[in-house]
């Protein structure tokens, strides 16, 4: 009986010590981590097309993007990132057949506001693997026909190109690497945006049943903590 009682006391003391150790470790992790603000700028290239239904043949239209970035890391491995960017999107239509000989490219300028969850994993003392994902809203502010050589076509918008729905929204996500130095943070990221709204009116009486933006981006970001 005494032996059993002694074992229970040892187990009880062991549980108390384990609880105190776990609490101390958790407290140490909380106090060691410091929330971090960072501000900077970004720039890069866009490779875009429009998801038309019915589909039309396209090549990726290469243009540019840039803007401002703000990031707040509230806890270890997680934070929020907000950007205000200009983004050149659009599409490039290339068809060479016996019936159709069409070359057409149109650039669309948007102001975009992505609000993303920022997730990172430390790969070393100065490098991180980063992942950003979240919603994005955009507003169309201009357009320009870059190339127009239309011989035969089935769509009216070639004659009078004009985005009909200026407000755009969708989901964006990116994967990249971050290098943290004494003069700031340098980030190389690949990103993809999938639009959930249509840029043209859709329905049976219109040319398309769907026409949403799709953009691949490659960008560099520089942040000052």
Protein backbone atom coordinates (compact mmCIF):
# COMPACT_ATOMS: atom_id res chain seq x y z
CA UNK A 1 0.00 0.00 0.00
CA UNK A 2 2.80 2.40 0.92
CA UNK A 3 4.52 1.55 -2.35
CA UNK A 4 1.36 2.27 -4.34
CA UNK A 5 0.86 5.50 -2.43
CA UNK A 6 4.45 6.49 -3.16
CA UNK A 7 4.01 5.76 -6.84
CA UNK A 8 0.87 7.90 -6.95
CA UNK A 9 2.75 10.77 -5.30
CA UNK A 10 5.60 10.46 -7.79
CA UNK A 11 3.14 10.42 -10.71
CA UNK A 12 1.30 13.40 -9.26
CA UNK A 13 4.50 15.38 -8.84
CA UNK A 14 5.59 14.34 -12.34
CA UNK A 15 2.32 15.60 -13.84
CA UNK A 16 2.70 18.90 -11.98
CA UNK A 17 6.27 19.30 -13.22
CA UNK A 18 5.23 18.40 -16.79
CA UNK A 19 2.38 20.92 -16.64
CA UNK A 20 4.74 23.64 -15.35
CA UNK A 21 7.29 22.80 -18.06
CA UNK A 22 4.69 22.94 -20.87
CA UNK A 23 3.31 26.20 -19.48
CA UNK A 24 6.80 27.69 -19.28
CA UNK A 25 7.56 26.60 -22.85
CA UNK A 26 4.32 28.12 -24.10
CA UNK A 27 4.98 31.33 -22.21
CA UNK A 28 8.52 31.46 -23.58
CA UNK A 29 7.29 31.02 -27.14
CA UNK A 30 4.69 33.75 -26.69
CA UNK A 31 7.14 36.24 -25.23
CA UNK A 32 9.93 35.39 -27.70
CA UNK A 33 7.76 36.11 -30.74
CA UNK A 34 7.34 39.75 -31.65
CA UNK A 35 4.55 40.93 -34.00
CA UNK A 36 5.96 42.46 -37.16
CA UNK A 37 4.82 45.25 -39.48
CA UNK A 38 6.40 45.68 -42.90
CA UNK A 39 5.73 48.07 -45.78
CA UNK A 40 7.09 48.23 -49.30
CA UNK A 41 6.48 47.95 -53.01
CA UNK A 42 6.09 45.22 -55.61
CA UNK A 43 6.45 44.86 -59.36
CA UNK A 44 6.50 42.17 -61.99
CA UNK A 45 4.92 40.72 -65.10
CA UNK A 46 1.46 39.35 -65.83
CA UNK A 47 0.50 36.58 -68.24
CA UNK A 48 -3.22 36.82 -68.80
CA UNK A 49 -6.15 35.47 -70.77
CA UNK A 50 -9.93 35.55 -70.51
CA UNK A 51 -11.97 32.44 -69.86
CA UNK A 52 -14.52 32.81 -72.65
CA UNK A 53 -17.49 30.45 -73.03
CA UNK A 54 -17.75 29.49 -75.84
CA UNK A 55 -13.98 29.31 -75.93
CA UNK A 56 -11.89 31.29 -78.41
CA UNK A 57 -8.24 30.42 -79.21
CA UNK A 58 -5.81 32.54 -77.19
CA UNK A 59 -2.17 33.06 -76.36
CA UNK A 60 -1.02 34.46 -73.02
CA UNK A 61 -0.72 38.25 -73.13
CA UNK A 62 2.49 39.39 -71.37
CA UNK A 63 2.29 42.77 -69.60
CA UNK A 64 3.21 44.32 -66.24
CA UNK A 65 1.95 45.04 -62.72
CA UNK A 66 3.10 46.96 -59.67
CA UNK A 67 1.97 48.53 -56.43
CA UNK A 68 2.24 48.89 -52.67
CA UNK A 69 2.35 46.14 -50.03
CA UNK A 70 1.61 46.15 -46.29
CA UNK A 71 2.11 43.05 -44.13
CA UNK A 72 1.35 42.34 -40.49
CA UNK A 73 2.55 39.09 -38.89
CA UNK A 74 0.56 38.70 -35.68
CA UNK A 75 1.69 35.25 -34.57
CA UNK A 76 4.32 32.70 -35.44
CA UNK A 77 3.88 31.50 -39.07
CA UNK A 78 0.70 33.51 -39.72
CA UNK A 79 -0.22 37.05 -40.70
CA UNK A 80 -2.14 39.27 -43.12
CA UNK A 81 -0.99 40.95 -46.32
CA UNK A 82 -2.76 43.81 -48.09
CA UNK A 83 -1.82 45.25 -51.47
CA UNK A 84 -2.94 48.09 -53.72
CA UNK A 85 -1.80 47.38 -57.28
CA UNK A 86 -2.25 48.37 -60.87
CA UNK A 87 -2.50 45.31 -63.07
CA UNK A 88 -2.51 45.02 -66.85
CA UNK A 89 -4.62 42.09 -67.99
CA UNK A 90 -6.40 41.17 -71.19
CA UNK A 91 -6.27 38.59 -73.93
CA UNK A 92 -4.63 37.82 -77.25
CA UNK A 93 -6.63 36.10 -79.97
CA UNK A 94 -4.66 34.33 -82.71
CA UNK A 95 -6.45 32.39 -85.46
CA UNK A 96 -5.06 31.48 -88.90
CA UNK A 97 -7.32 29.27 -90.97
CA UNK A 98 -8.72 29.24 -94.50
CA UNK A 99 -11.91 30.89 -93.21
CA UNK A 100 -10.64 33.05 -90.33
CA UNK A 101 -7.53 35.21 -90.27
CA UNK A 102 -7.72 37.06 -86.96
CA UNK A 103 -5.06 38.71 -84.82
CA UNK A 104 -6.39 40.69 -81.90
CA UNK A 105 -4.96 41.76 -78.53
CA UNK A 106 -6.57 44.00 -75.93
CA UNK A 107 -5.02 45.32 -72.71
CA UNK A 108 -7.22 45.96 -69.66
CA UNK A 109 -6.00 48.14 -66.79
CA UNK A 110 -7.28 47.35 -63.29
CA UNK A 111 -6.77 48.70 -59.80
CA UNK A 112 -6.75 45.67 -57.54
CA UNK A 113 -6.97 45.16 -53.79
CA UNK A 114 -6.02 41.65 -52.57
CA UNK A 115 -6.38 40.83 -48.85
CA UNK A 116 -4.53 37.60 -48.17
CA UNK A 117 -3.65 35.29 -45.34
CA UNK A 118 0.15 35.12 -45.14
CA UNK A 119 1.72 31.80 -44.09
CA UNK A 120 5.45 31.20 -43.82
CA UNK A 121 7.90 28.46 -42.86
CA UNK A 122 11.48 29.13 -41.84
CA UNK A 123 14.04 27.39 -44.04
CA UNK A 124 17.01 28.96 -42.25
CA UNK A 125 18.00 32.03 -40.31
CA UNK A 126 17.32 34.33 -43.26
CA UNK A 127 15.09 32.46 -45.71
CA UNK A 128 11.41 31.59 -45.63
CA UNK A 129 8.96 29.68 -47.77
CA UNK A 130 5.83 31.84 -48.06
CA UNK A 131 2.25 31.19 -49.12
CA UNK A 132 -0.41 33.89 -49.67
CA UNK A 133 -4.08 33.23 -50.38
CA UNK A 134 -7.29 35.24 -50.16
CA UNK A 135 -9.98 37.25 -51.92
CA UNK A 136 -9.27 40.05 -54.37
CA UNK A 137 -11.46 42.84 -55.67
CA UNK A 138 -10.58 44.94 -58.74
CA UNK A 139 -11.93 47.86 -60.70
CA UNK A 140 -11.44 48.39 -64.42
CA UNK A 141 -10.15 51.89 -65.24
CA UNK A 142 -9.00 51.66 -68.85
CA UNK A 143 -8.40 49.56 -71.93
CA UNK A 144 -6.39 49.69 -75.11
CA UNK A 145 -6.41 47.65 -78.31
CA UNK A 146 -2.82 46.52 -78.88
CA UNK A 147 -3.35 44.65 -82.15
CA UNK A 148 -6.28 44.39 -84.54
CA UNK A 149 -6.30 42.54 -87.82
CA UNK A 150 -9.75 41.02 -88.17
CA UNK A 151 -10.83 39.53 -91.49
CA UNK A 152 -13.75 37.33 -90.43
CA UNK A 153 -15.30 37.11 -86.99
CA UNK A 154 -18.39 35.98 -85.13
CA UNK A 155 -18.34 38.48 -82.25
CA UNK A 156 -19.57 42.07 -82.11
CA UNK A 157 -17.09 43.21 -79.49
CA UNK A 158 -14.29 43.23 -82.08
CA UNK A 159 -15.98 46.22 -83.68
CA UNK A 160 -16.65 48.12 -80.43
CA UNK A 161 -14.47 46.66 -77.66
CA UNK A 162 -15.54 47.84 -74.23
CA UNK A 163 -15.56 46.11 -70.85
CA UNK A 164 -19.17 46.07 -69.65
CA UNK A 165 -18.67 44.97 -66.03
CA UNK A 166 -16.03 47.19 -64.46
CA UNK A 167 -16.11 45.59 -61.00
CA UNK A 168 -14.19 42.31 -60.77
CA UNK A 169 -13.68 39.87 -57.90
CA UNK A 170 -12.06 36.49 -57.42
CA UNK A 171 -9.50 34.38 -55.56
CA UNK A 172 -5.75 34.89 -55.64
CA UNK A 173 -2.92 32.75 -54.28
CA UNK A 174 0.85 32.75 -54.43
CA UNK A 175 3.91 30.73 -53.50
CA UNK A 176 7.39 32.18 -53.09
CA UNK A 177 10.67 32.61 -51.26
CA UNK A 178 11.68 35.42 -48.90
CA UNK A 179 15.22 36.54 -48.10
CA UNK A 180 15.51 38.63 -44.93
CA UNK A 181 18.52 40.94 -44.80
CA UNK A 182 19.70 43.90 -42.80
CA UNK A 183 18.43 46.30 -45.46
CA UNK A 184 14.97 44.73 -45.87
CA UNK A 185 13.08 41.68 -47.07
CA UNK A 186 13.29 40.53 -50.69
CA UNK A 187 10.50 38.27 -51.96
CA UNK A 188 10.16 36.39 -55.25
CA UNK A 189 6.64 35.04 -55.76
CA UNK A 190 4.52 33.33 -58.36
CA UNK A 191 0.83 34.13 -58.14
CA UNK A 192 -2.43 33.11 -59.81
CA UNK A 193 -5.73 35.01 -59.94
CA UNK A 194 -9.01 33.36 -60.95
CA UNK A 195 -11.84 35.80 -61.61
CA UNK A 196 -15.33 34.87 -60.50
CA UNK A 197 -17.13 37.68 -62.35
CA UNK A 198 -17.56 38.30 -66.07
CA UNK A 199 -16.12 41.28 -67.95
CA UNK A 200 -18.89 41.16 -70.60
CA UNK A 201 -22.63 40.73 -70.21
CA UNK A 202 -23.57 37.09 -70.55
CA UNK A 203 -26.64 35.23 -71.70
CA UNK A 204 -28.26 33.89 -74.84
CA UNK A 205 -28.65 37.32 -76.40
CA UNK A 206 -24.92 38.11 -75.94
CA UNK A 207 -21.72 36.75 -77.47
CA UNK A 208 -20.60 34.81 -74.39
CA UNK A 209 -22.02 32.83 -71.49
CA UNK A 210 -18.87 33.53 -69.45
CA UNK A 211 -15.84 35.83 -69.71
CA UNK A 212 -13.71 35.88 -66.56
CA UNK A 213 -10.13 37.08 -66.03
CA UNK A 214 -7.33 34.59 -65.45
CA UNK A 215 -3.89 35.96 -64.58
CA UNK A 216 -0.52 34.39 -63.79
CA UNK A 217 1.86 36.79 -62.08
CA UNK A 218 5.59 36.73 -61.34
CA UNK A 219 6.58 39.50 -58.97
CA UNK A 220 9.35 40.87 -56.78
CA UNK A 221 8.45 42.55 -53.48
CA UNK A 222 10.69 44.67 -51.29
CA UNK A 223 9.59 45.25 -47.68
CA UNK A 224 11.03 47.39 -44.91
CA UNK A 225 10.23 46.17 -41.39
